């Protein structure tokens, strides 16, 4: 992984933890790794050129299928935009 990719990976991890946080646990530092399993796939989508819609759809699928929640499509789109804004 290049330095640029490492920086992007870390940024995605931070965004998922601080901004996405669908289960509302980012104030509990002891479980900081809660969303890290998703970082890898979101990173891969991003470097493979996925657009906002594709990234948002994946985040929404995680919320609804993996986590069994109602999900929030609008919030997922905002998170996808923020992720894509990290690309240099």
PDB file of N, CA and C in Angstrom:
ATOM      1  N   UNK A   1       0.849  -1.177   0.000  1.00  0.00           N
ATOM      2  CA  UNK A   1       0.000   0.000   0.000  1.00  0.00           C
ATOM      3  C   UNK A   1       0.896   1.242   0.000  1.00  0.00           C
ATOM      4  N   UNK A   2       0.584   2.173  -0.878  1.00  0.00           N
ATOM      5  CA  UNK A   2       1.367   3.410  -0.938  1.00  0.00           C
ATOM      6  C   UNK A   2       1.029   4.300   0.264  1.00  0.00           C
ATOM      7  N   UNK A   3       1.848   5.309   0.488  1.00  0.00           N
ATOM      8  CA  UNK A   3       1.579   6.246   1.580  1.00  0.00           C
ATOM      9  C   UNK A   3       0.237   6.952   1.364  1.00  0.00           C
ATOM     10  N   UNK A   4      -0.039   7.295   0.133  1.00  0.00           N
ATOM     11  CA  UNK A   4      -1.307   7.950  -0.199  1.00  0.00           C
ATOM     12  C   UNK A   4      -2.492   7.031   0.125  1.00  0.00           C
ATOM     13  N   UNK A   5      -2.362   5.751  -0.188  1.00  0.00           N
ATOM     14  CA  UNK A   5      -3.415   4.788   0.105  1.00  0.00           C
ATOM     15  C   UNK A   5      -3.562   4.582   1.617  1.00  0.00           C
ATOM     16  N   UNK A   6      -2.453   4.550   2.329  1.00  0.00           N
ATOM     17  CA  UNK A   6      -2.510   4.419   3.789  1.00  0.00           C
ATOM     18  C   UNK A   6      -3.255   5.597   4.407  1.00  0.00           C
ATOM     19  N   UNK A   7      -2.979   6.777   3.890  1.00  0.00           N
ATOM     20  CA  UNK A   7      -3.644   7.981   4.387  1.00  0.00           C
ATOM     21  C   UNK A   7      -5.152   7.904   4.119  1.00  0.00           C
ATOM     22  N   UNK A   8      -5.524   7.455   2.929  1.00  0.00           N
ATOM     23  CA  UNK A   8      -6.935   7.312   2.573  1.00  0.00           C
ATOM     24  C   UNK A   8      -7.608   6.255   3.450  1.00  0.00           C
ATOM     25  N   UNK A   9      -6.944   5.134   3.660  1.00  0.00           N
ATOM     26  CA  UNK A   9      -7.489   4.057   4.497  1.00  0.00           C
ATOM     27  C   UNK A   9      -7.779   4.572   5.907  1.00  0.00           C
ATOM     28  N   UNK A  10      -6.816   5.287   6.462  1.00  0.00           N
ATOM     29  CA  UNK A  10      -6.981   5.841   7.811  1.00  0.00           C
ATOM     30  C   UNK A  10      -8.119   6.858   7.842  1.00  0.00           C
ATOM     31  N   UNK A  11      -8.219   7.672   6.795  1.00  0.00           N
ATOM     32  CA  UNK A  11      -9.291   8.674   6.734  1.00  0.00           C
ATOM     33  C   UNK A  11     -10.656   7.996   6.679  1.00  0.00           C
ATOM     34  N   UNK A  12     -10.777   6.934   5.892  1.00  0.00           N
ATOM     35  CA  UNK A  12     -12.039   6.198   5.803  1.00  0.00           C
ATOM     36  C   UNK A  12     -12.384   5.594   7.159  1.00  0.00           C
ATOM     37  N   UNK A  13     -11.401   5.004   7.817  1.00  0.00           N
ATOM     38  CA  UNK A  13     -11.627   4.429   9.137  1.00  0.00           C
ATOM     39  C   UNK A  13     -12.141   5.485  10.117  1.00  0.00           C
ATOM     40  N   UNK A  14     -11.551   6.667  10.091  1.00  0.00           N
ATOM     41  CA  UNK A  14     -11.976   7.762  10.974  1.00  0.00           C
ATOM     42  C   UNK A  14     -13.391   8.231  10.634  1.00  0.00           C
ATOM     43  N   UNK A  15     -13.695   8.332   9.361  1.00  0.00           N
ATOM     44  CA  UNK A  15     -15.030   8.771   8.944  1.00  0.00           C
ATOM     45  C   UNK A  15     -16.087   7.771   9.389  1.00  0.00           C
ATOM     46  N   UNK A  16     -15.806   6.490   9.214  1.00  0.00           N
ATOM     47  CA  UNK A  16     -16.774   5.485   9.638  1.00  0.00           C
ATOM     48  C   UNK A  16     -17.000   5.558  11.143  1.00  0.00           C
ATOM     49  N   UNK A  17     -15.947   5.775  11.905  1.00  0.00           N
ATOM     50  CA  UNK A  17     -16.050   5.823  13.365  1.00  0.00           C
ATOM     51  C   UNK A  17     -16.710   7.122  13.853  1.00  0.00           C
ATOM     52  N   UNK A  18     -16.222   8.247  13.363  1.00  0.00           N
ATOM     53  CA  UNK A  18     -16.681   9.527  13.895  1.00  0.00           C
ATOM     54  C   UNK A  18     -17.978  10.028  13.262  1.00  0.00           C
ATOM     55  N   UNK A  19     -18.158   9.784  11.975  1.00  0.00           N
ATOM     56  CA  UNK A  19     -19.279  10.396  11.269  1.00  0.00           C
ATOM     57  C   UNK A  19     -20.405   9.427  10.913  1.00  0.00           C
ATOM     58  N   UNK A  20     -20.050   8.234  10.492  1.00  0.00           N
ATOM     59  CA  UNK A  20     -21.083   7.262  10.097  1.00  0.00           C
ATOM     60  C   UNK A  20     -21.751   6.696  11.343  1.00  0.00           C
ATOM     61  N   UNK A  21     -21.037   5.997  12.180  1.00  0.00           N
ATOM     62  CA  UNK A  21     -21.463   5.504  13.497  1.00  0.00           C
ATOM     63  C   UNK A  21     -22.957   5.167  13.602  1.00  0.00           C
ATOM     64  N   UNK A  22     -23.437   4.208  12.831  1.00  0.00           N
ATOM     65  CA  UNK A  22     -24.878   3.925  12.801  1.00  0.00           C
ATOM     66  C   UNK A  22     -25.463   3.401  14.116  1.00  0.00           C
ATOM     67  N   UNK A  23     -24.630   2.831  14.975  1.00  0.00           N
ATOM     68  CA  UNK A  23     -25.178   2.320  16.237  1.00  0.00           C
ATOM     69  C   UNK A  23     -24.879   3.245  17.417  1.00  0.00           C
ATOM     70  N   UNK A  24     -24.247   4.377  17.138  1.00  0.00           N
ATOM     71  CA  UNK A  24     -24.045   5.391  18.157  1.00  0.00           C
ATOM     72  C   UNK A  24     -23.123   5.012  19.288  1.00  0.00           C
ATOM     73  N   UNK A  25     -21.952   4.477  18.950  1.00  0.00           N
ATOM     74  CA  UNK A  25     -21.025   4.044  19.992  1.00  0.00           C
ATOM     75  C   UNK A  25     -19.679   4.768  19.959  1.00  0.00           C
ATOM     76  N   UNK A  26     -19.549   5.783  19.120  1.00  0.00           N
ATOM     77  CA  UNK A  26     -18.224   6.379  18.958  1.00  0.00           C
ATOM     78  C   UNK A  26     -17.740   7.193  20.155  1.00  0.00           C
ATOM     79  N   UNK A  27     -18.530   7.241  21.196  1.00  0.00           N
ATOM     80  CA  UNK A  27     -18.058   7.895  22.416  1.00  0.00           C
ATOM     81  C   UNK A  27     -17.459   6.894  23.407  1.00  0.00           C
ATOM     82  N   UNK A  28     -17.381   5.624  22.994  1.00  0.00           N
ATOM     83  CA  UNK A  28     -16.811   4.570  23.846  1.00  0.00           C
ATOM     84  C   UNK A  28     -15.500   4.108  23.201  1.00  0.00           C
ATOM     85  N   UNK A  29     -14.419   4.719  23.598  1.00  0.00           N
ATOM     86  CA  UNK A  29     -13.121   4.467  22.962  1.00  0.00           C
ATOM     87  C   UNK A  29     -12.671   3.002  23.069  1.00  0.00           C
ATOM     88  N   UNK A  30     -13.147   2.281  24.074  1.00  0.00           N
ATOM     89  CA  UNK A  30     -12.759   0.876  24.246  1.00  0.00           C
ATOM     90  C   UNK A  30     -13.214  -0.015  23.094  1.00  0.00           C
ATOM     91  N   UNK A  31     -14.193   0.430  22.333  1.00  0.00           N
ATOM     92  CA  UNK A  31     -14.668  -0.372  21.199  1.00  0.00           C
ATOM     93  C   UNK A  31     -14.370   0.336  19.882  1.00  0.00           C
ATOM     94  N   UNK A  32     -13.254   1.021  19.846  1.00  0.00           N
ATOM     95  CA  UNK A  32     -12.835   1.804  18.673  1.00  0.00           C
ATOM     96  C   UNK A  32     -12.806   0.982  17.386  1.00  0.00           C
ATOM     97  N   UNK A  33     -12.639  -0.315  17.506  1.00  0.00           N
ATOM     98  CA  UNK A  33     -12.538  -1.172  16.325  1.00  0.00           C
ATOM     99  C   UNK A  33     -13.899  -1.643  15.793  1.00  0.00           C
ATOM    100  N   UNK A  34     -14.986  -1.128  16.321  1.00  0.00           N
ATOM    101  CA  UNK A  34     -16.337  -1.592  15.988  1.00  0.00           C
ATOM    102  C   UNK A  34     -16.620  -1.629  14.483  1.00  0.00           C
ATOM    103  N   UNK A  35     -16.159  -0.635  13.747  1.00  0.00           N
ATOM    104  CA  UNK A  35     -16.462  -0.555  12.310  1.00  0.00           C
ATOM    105  C   UNK A  35     -15.268  -0.900  11.423  1.00  0.00           C
ATOM    106  N   UNK A  36     -14.165  -1.282  12.020  1.00  0.00           N
ATOM    107  CA  UNK A  36     -12.952  -1.495  11.237  1.00  0.00           C
ATOM    108  C   UNK A  36     -13.062  -2.649  10.244  1.00  0.00           C
ATOM    109  N   UNK A  37     -13.927  -3.602  10.498  1.00  0.00           N
ATOM    110  CA  UNK A  37     -14.119  -4.675   9.517  1.00  0.00           C
ATOM    111  C   UNK A  37     -14.705  -4.141   8.213  1.00  0.00           C
ATOM    112  N   UNK A  38     -15.420  -3.038   8.272  1.00  0.00           N
ATOM    113  CA  UNK A  38     -16.035  -2.454   7.076  1.00  0.00           C
ATOM    114  C   UNK A  38     -15.078  -1.533   6.327  1.00  0.00           C
ATOM    115  N   UNK A  39     -14.066  -1.044   7.010  1.00  0.00           N
ATOM    116  CA  UNK A  39     -13.127  -0.105   6.401  1.00  0.00           C
ATOM    117  C   UNK A  39     -12.473  -0.696   5.162  1.00  0.00           C
ATOM    118  N   UNK A  40     -12.051  -1.930   5.256  1.00  0.00           N
ATOM    119  CA  UNK A  40     -11.336  -2.573   4.149  1.00  0.00           C
ATOM    120  C   UNK A  40     -12.162  -2.558   2.863  1.00  0.00           C
ATOM    121  N   UNK A  41     -13.428  -2.932   2.965  1.00  0.00           N
ATOM    122  CA  UNK A  41     -14.265  -3.007   1.760  1.00  0.00           C
ATOM    123  C   UNK A  41     -14.587  -1.610   1.212  1.00  0.00           C
ATOM    124  N   UNK A  42     -14.867  -0.671   2.095  1.00  0.00           N
ATOM    125  CA  UNK A  42     -15.148   0.697   1.647  1.00  0.00           C
ATOM    126  C   UNK A  42     -13.898   1.287   0.984  1.00  0.00           C
ATOM    127  N   UNK A  43     -12.733   1.006   1.540  1.00  0.00           N
ATOM    128  CA  UNK A  43     -11.474   1.446   0.938  1.00  0.00           C
ATOM    129  C   UNK A  43     -11.319   0.860  -0.460  1.00  0.00           C
ATOM    130  N   UNK A  44     -11.583  -0.436  -0.592  1.00  0.00           N
ATOM    131  CA  UNK A  44     -11.454  -1.096  -1.888  1.00  0.00           C
ATOM    132  C   UNK A  44     -12.417  -0.491  -2.907  1.00  0.00           C
ATOM    133  N   UNK A  45     -13.654  -0.280  -2.504  1.00  0.00           N
ATOM    134  CA  UNK A  45     -14.621   0.356  -3.404  1.00  0.00           C
ATOM    135  C   UNK A  45     -14.109   1.722  -3.864  1.00  0.00           C
ATOM    136  N   UNK A  46     -13.574   2.477  -2.913  1.00  0.00           N
ATOM    137  CA  UNK A  46     -13.108   3.835  -3.198  1.00  0.00           C
ATOM    138  C   UNK A  46     -11.942   3.833  -4.177  1.00  0.00           C
ATOM    139  N   UNK A  47     -10.942   3.013  -3.929  1.00  0.00           N
ATOM    140  CA  UNK A  47      -9.776   3.034  -4.834  1.00  0.00           C
ATOM    141  C   UNK A  47     -10.085   2.378  -6.176  1.00  0.00           C
ATOM    142  N   UNK A  48     -11.135   1.568  -6.215  1.00  0.00           N
ATOM    143  CA  UNK A  48     -11.548   0.977  -7.489  1.00  0.00           C
ATOM    144  C   UNK A  48     -12.447   1.907  -8.300  1.00  0.00           C
ATOM    145  N   UNK A  49     -12.692   3.111  -7.769  1.00  0.00           N
ATOM    146  CA  UNK A  49     -13.427   4.112  -8.528  1.00  0.00           C
ATOM    147  C   UNK A  49     -14.935   4.127  -8.319  1.00  0.00           C
ATOM    148  N   UNK A  50     -15.407   3.500  -7.258  1.00  0.00           N
ATOM    149  CA  UNK A  50     -16.850   3.520  -6.986  1.00  0.00           C
ATOM    150  C   UNK A  50     -17.314   4.961  -6.784  1.00  0.00           C
ATOM    151  N   UNK A  51     -18.526   5.227  -7.233  1.00  0.00           N
ATOM    152  CA  UNK A  51     -19.081   6.563  -7.049  1.00  0.00           C
ATOM    153  C   UNK A  51     -19.843   6.653  -5.727  1.00  0.00           C
ATOM    154  N   UNK A  52     -20.376   7.839  -5.475  1.00  0.00           N
ATOM    155  CA  UNK A  52     -21.097   8.097  -4.229  1.00  0.00           C
ATOM    156  C   UNK A  52     -22.249   7.123  -4.034  1.00  0.00           C
ATOM    157  N   UNK A  53     -22.974   6.843  -5.094  1.00  0.00           N
ATOM    158  CA  UNK A  53     -24.144   5.967  -5.003  1.00  0.00           C
ATOM    159  C   UNK A  53     -23.735   4.565  -4.569  1.00  0.00           C
ATOM    160  N   UNK A  54     -22.696   4.037  -5.184  1.00  0.00           N
ATOM    161  CA  UNK A  54     -22.268   2.676  -4.868  1.00  0.00           C
ATOM    162  C   UNK A  54     -21.765   2.564  -3.425  1.00  0.00           C
ATOM    163  N   UNK A  55     -20.992   3.539  -2.992  1.00  0.00           N
ATOM    164  CA  UNK A  55     -20.479   3.519  -1.619  1.00  0.00           C
ATOM    165  C   UNK A  55     -21.631   3.669  -0.629  1.00  0.00           C
ATOM    166  N   UNK A  56     -22.536   4.594  -0.914  1.00  0.00           N
ATOM    167  CA  UNK A  56     -23.691   4.810  -0.032  1.00  0.00           C
ATOM    168  C   UNK A  56     -24.565   3.562   0.034  1.00  0.00           C
ATOM    169  N   UNK A  57     -24.771   2.908  -1.090  1.00  0.00           N
ATOM    170  CA  UNK A  57     -25.565   1.679  -1.105  1.00  0.00           C
ATOM    171  C   UNK A  57     -24.928   0.607  -0.237  1.00  0.00           C
ATOM    172  N   UNK A  58     -23.614   0.513  -0.296  1.00  0.00           N
ATOM    173  CA  UNK A  58     -22.926  -0.489   0.526  1.00  0.00           C
ATOM    174  C   UNK A  58     -23.055  -0.155   2.016  1.00  0.00           C
ATOM    175  N   UNK A  59     -22.889   1.104   2.366  1.00  0.00           N
ATOM    176  CA  UNK A  59     -23.049   1.501   3.764  1.00  0.00           C
ATOM    177  C   UNK A  59     -24.475   1.218   4.242  1.00  0.00           C
ATOM    178  N   UNK A  60     -25.445   1.516   3.395  1.00  0.00           N
ATOM    179  CA  UNK A  60     -26.843   1.270   3.739  1.00  0.00           C
ATOM    180  C   UNK A  60     -27.102  -0.230   3.909  1.00  0.00           C
ATOM    181  N   UNK A  61     -26.490  -1.040   3.059  1.00  0.00           N
ATOM    182  CA  UNK A  61     -26.635  -2.495   3.171  1.00  0.00           C
ATOM    183  C   UNK A  61     -26.050  -2.990   4.495  1.00  0.00           C
ATOM    184  N   UNK A  62     -24.926  -2.439   4.894  1.00  0.00           N
ATOM    185  CA  UNK A  62     -24.335  -2.817   6.184  1.00  0.00           C
ATOM    186  C   UNK A  62     -25.318  -2.487   7.306  1.00  0.00           C
ATOM    187  N   UNK A  63     -25.879  -1.283   7.250  1.00  0.00           N
ATOM    188  CA  UNK A  63     -26.819  -0.864   8.293  1.00  0.00           C
ATOM    189  C   UNK A  63     -28.051  -1.771   8.352  1.00  0.00           C
ATOM    190  N   UNK A  64     -28.593  -2.090   7.190  1.00  0.00           N
ATOM    191  CA  UNK A  64     -29.867  -2.813   7.160  1.00  0.00           C
ATOM    192  C   UNK A  64     -29.717  -4.321   7.218  1.00  0.00           C
ATOM    193  N   UNK A  65     -28.782  -4.863   6.479  1.00  0.00           N
ATOM    194  CA  UNK A  65     -28.617  -6.318   6.419  1.00  0.00           C
ATOM    195  C   UNK A  65     -27.714  -6.814   7.547  1.00  0.00           C
ATOM    196  N   UNK A  66     -26.505  -6.288   7.627  1.00  0.00           N
ATOM    197  CA  UNK A  66     -25.544  -6.762   8.621  1.00  0.00           C
ATOM    198  C   UNK A  66     -25.956  -6.406  10.052  1.00  0.00           C
ATOM    199  N   UNK A  67     -26.459  -5.173  10.225  1.00  0.00           N
ATOM    200  CA  UNK A  67     -26.776  -4.704  11.571  1.00  0.00           C
ATOM    201  C   UNK A  67     -28.261  -4.835  11.920  1.00  0.00           C
ATOM    202  N   UNK A  68     -29.091  -5.079  10.921  1.00  0.00           N
ATOM    203  CA  UNK A  68     -30.518  -5.250  11.161  1.00  0.00           C
ATOM    204  C   UNK A  68     -31.250  -3.979  11.558  1.00  0.00           C
ATOM    205  N   UNK A  69     -30.716  -2.850  11.137  1.00  0.00           N
ATOM    206  CA  UNK A  69     -31.319  -1.564  11.478  1.00  0.00           C
ATOM    207  C   UNK A  69     -32.188  -1.072  10.322  1.00  0.00           C
ATOM    208  N   UNK A  70     -32.908   0.022  10.547  1.00  0.00           N
ATOM    209  CA  UNK A  70     -33.709   0.627   9.485  1.00  0.00           C
ATOM    210  C   UNK A  70     -32.828   1.254   8.411  1.00  0.00           C
ATOM    211  N   UNK A  71     -31.711   1.805   8.801  1.00  0.00           N
ATOM    212  CA  UNK A  71     -30.795   2.448   7.869  1.00  0.00           C
ATOM    213  C   UNK A  71     -31.206   3.873   7.564  1.00  0.00           C
ATOM    214  N   UNK A  72     -30.255   4.639   7.043  1.00  0.00           N
ATOM    215  CA  UNK A  72     -30.500   6.036   6.708  1.00  0.00           C
ATOM    216  C   UNK A  72     -29.767   6.346   5.406  1.00  0.00           C
ATOM    217  N   UNK A  73     -30.484   6.275   4.292  1.00  0.00           N
ATOM    218  CA  UNK A  73     -29.869   6.461   2.973  1.00  0.00           C
ATOM    219  C   UNK A  73     -29.234   7.837   2.812  1.00  0.00           C
ATOM    220  N   UNK A  74     -29.907   8.866   3.297  1.00  0.00           N
ATOM    221  CA  UNK A  74     -29.382  10.224   3.149  1.00  0.00           C
ATOM    222  C   UNK A  74     -28.064  10.370   3.910  1.00  0.00           C
ATOM    223  N   UNK A  75     -28.018   9.845   5.119  1.00  0.00           N
ATOM    224  CA  UNK A  75     -26.779   9.907   5.905  1.00  0.00           C
ATOM    225  C   UNK A  75     -25.669   9.111   5.206  1.00  0.00           C
ATOM    226  N   UNK A  76     -26.010   7.949   4.670  1.00  0.00           N
ATOM    227  CA  UNK A  76     -25.010   7.139   3.951  1.00  0.00           C
ATOM    228  C   UNK A  76     -24.459   7.897   2.745  1.00  0.00           C
ATOM    229  N   UNK A  77     -25.307   8.639   2.052  1.00  0.00           N
ATOM    230  CA  UNK A  77     -24.838   9.439   0.918  1.00  0.00           C
ATOM    231  C   UNK A  77     -23.886  10.537   1.375  1.00  0.00           C
ATOM    232  N   UNK A  78     -24.193  11.172   2.494  1.00  0.00           N
ATOM    233  CA  UNK A  78     -23.302  12.212   3.026  1.00  0.00           C
ATOM    234  C   UNK A  78     -21.954  11.626   3.422  1.00  0.00           C
ATOM    235  N   UNK A  79     -21.977  10.436   4.005  1.00  0.00           N
ATOM    236  CA  UNK A  79     -20.728   9.769   4.392  1.00  0.00           C
ATOM    237  C   UNK A  79     -19.930   9.396   3.146  1.00  0.00           C
ATOM    238  N   UNK A  80     -20.615   8.899   2.129  1.00  0.00           N
ATOM    239  CA  UNK A  80     -19.936   8.552   0.876  1.00  0.00           C
ATOM    240  C   UNK A  80     -19.289   9.792   0.255  1.00  0.00           C
ATOM    241  N   UNK A  81     -19.976  10.913   0.285  1.00  0.00           N
ATOM    242  CA  UNK A  81     -19.405  12.168  -0.229  1.00  0.00           C
ATOM    243  C   UNK A  81     -18.152  12.549   0.557  1.00  0.00           C
ATOM    244  N   UNK A  82     -18.230  12.409   1.849  1.00  0.00           N
ATOM    245  CA  UNK A  82     -17.082  12.753   2.693  1.00  0.00           C
ATOM    246  C   UNK A  82     -15.901  11.829   2.402  1.00  0.00           C
ATOM    247  N   UNK A  83     -16.185  10.545   2.212  1.00  0.00           N
ATOM    248  CA  UNK A  83     -15.117   9.601   1.864  1.00  0.00           C
ATOM    249  C   UNK A  83     -14.480   9.990   0.537  1.00  0.00           C
ATOM    250  N   UNK A  84     -15.299  10.258  -0.461  1.00  0.00           N
ATOM    251  CA  UNK A  84     -14.766  10.603  -1.779  1.00  0.00           C
ATOM    252  C   UNK A  84     -14.008  11.934  -1.763  1.00  0.00           C
ATOM    253  N   UNK A  85     -14.329  12.813  -0.840  1.00  0.00           N
ATOM    254  CA  UNK A  85     -13.617  14.087  -0.752  1.00  0.00           C
ATOM    255  C   UNK A  85     -12.186  13.906  -0.236  1.00  0.00           C
ATOM    256  N   UNK A  86     -11.884  12.733   0.293  1.00  0.00           N
ATOM    257  CA  UNK A  86     -10.547  12.436   0.816  1.00  0.00           C
ATOM    258  C   UNK A  86      -9.555  12.037  -0.271  1.00  0.00           C
ATOM    259  N   UNK A  87     -10.069  11.773  -1.466  1.00  0.00           N
ATOM    260  CA  UNK A  87      -9.189  11.364  -2.569  1.00  0.00           C
ATOM    261  C   UNK A  87      -8.456  12.584  -3.090  1.00  0.00           C
ATOM    262  N   UNK A  88      -7.126  12.468  -3.161  1.00  0.00           N
ATOM    263  CA  UNK A  88      -6.303  13.592  -3.659  1.00  0.00           C
ATOM    264  C   UNK A  88      -6.327  13.648  -5.164  1.00  0.00           C
TER     265      UNK A  88
END
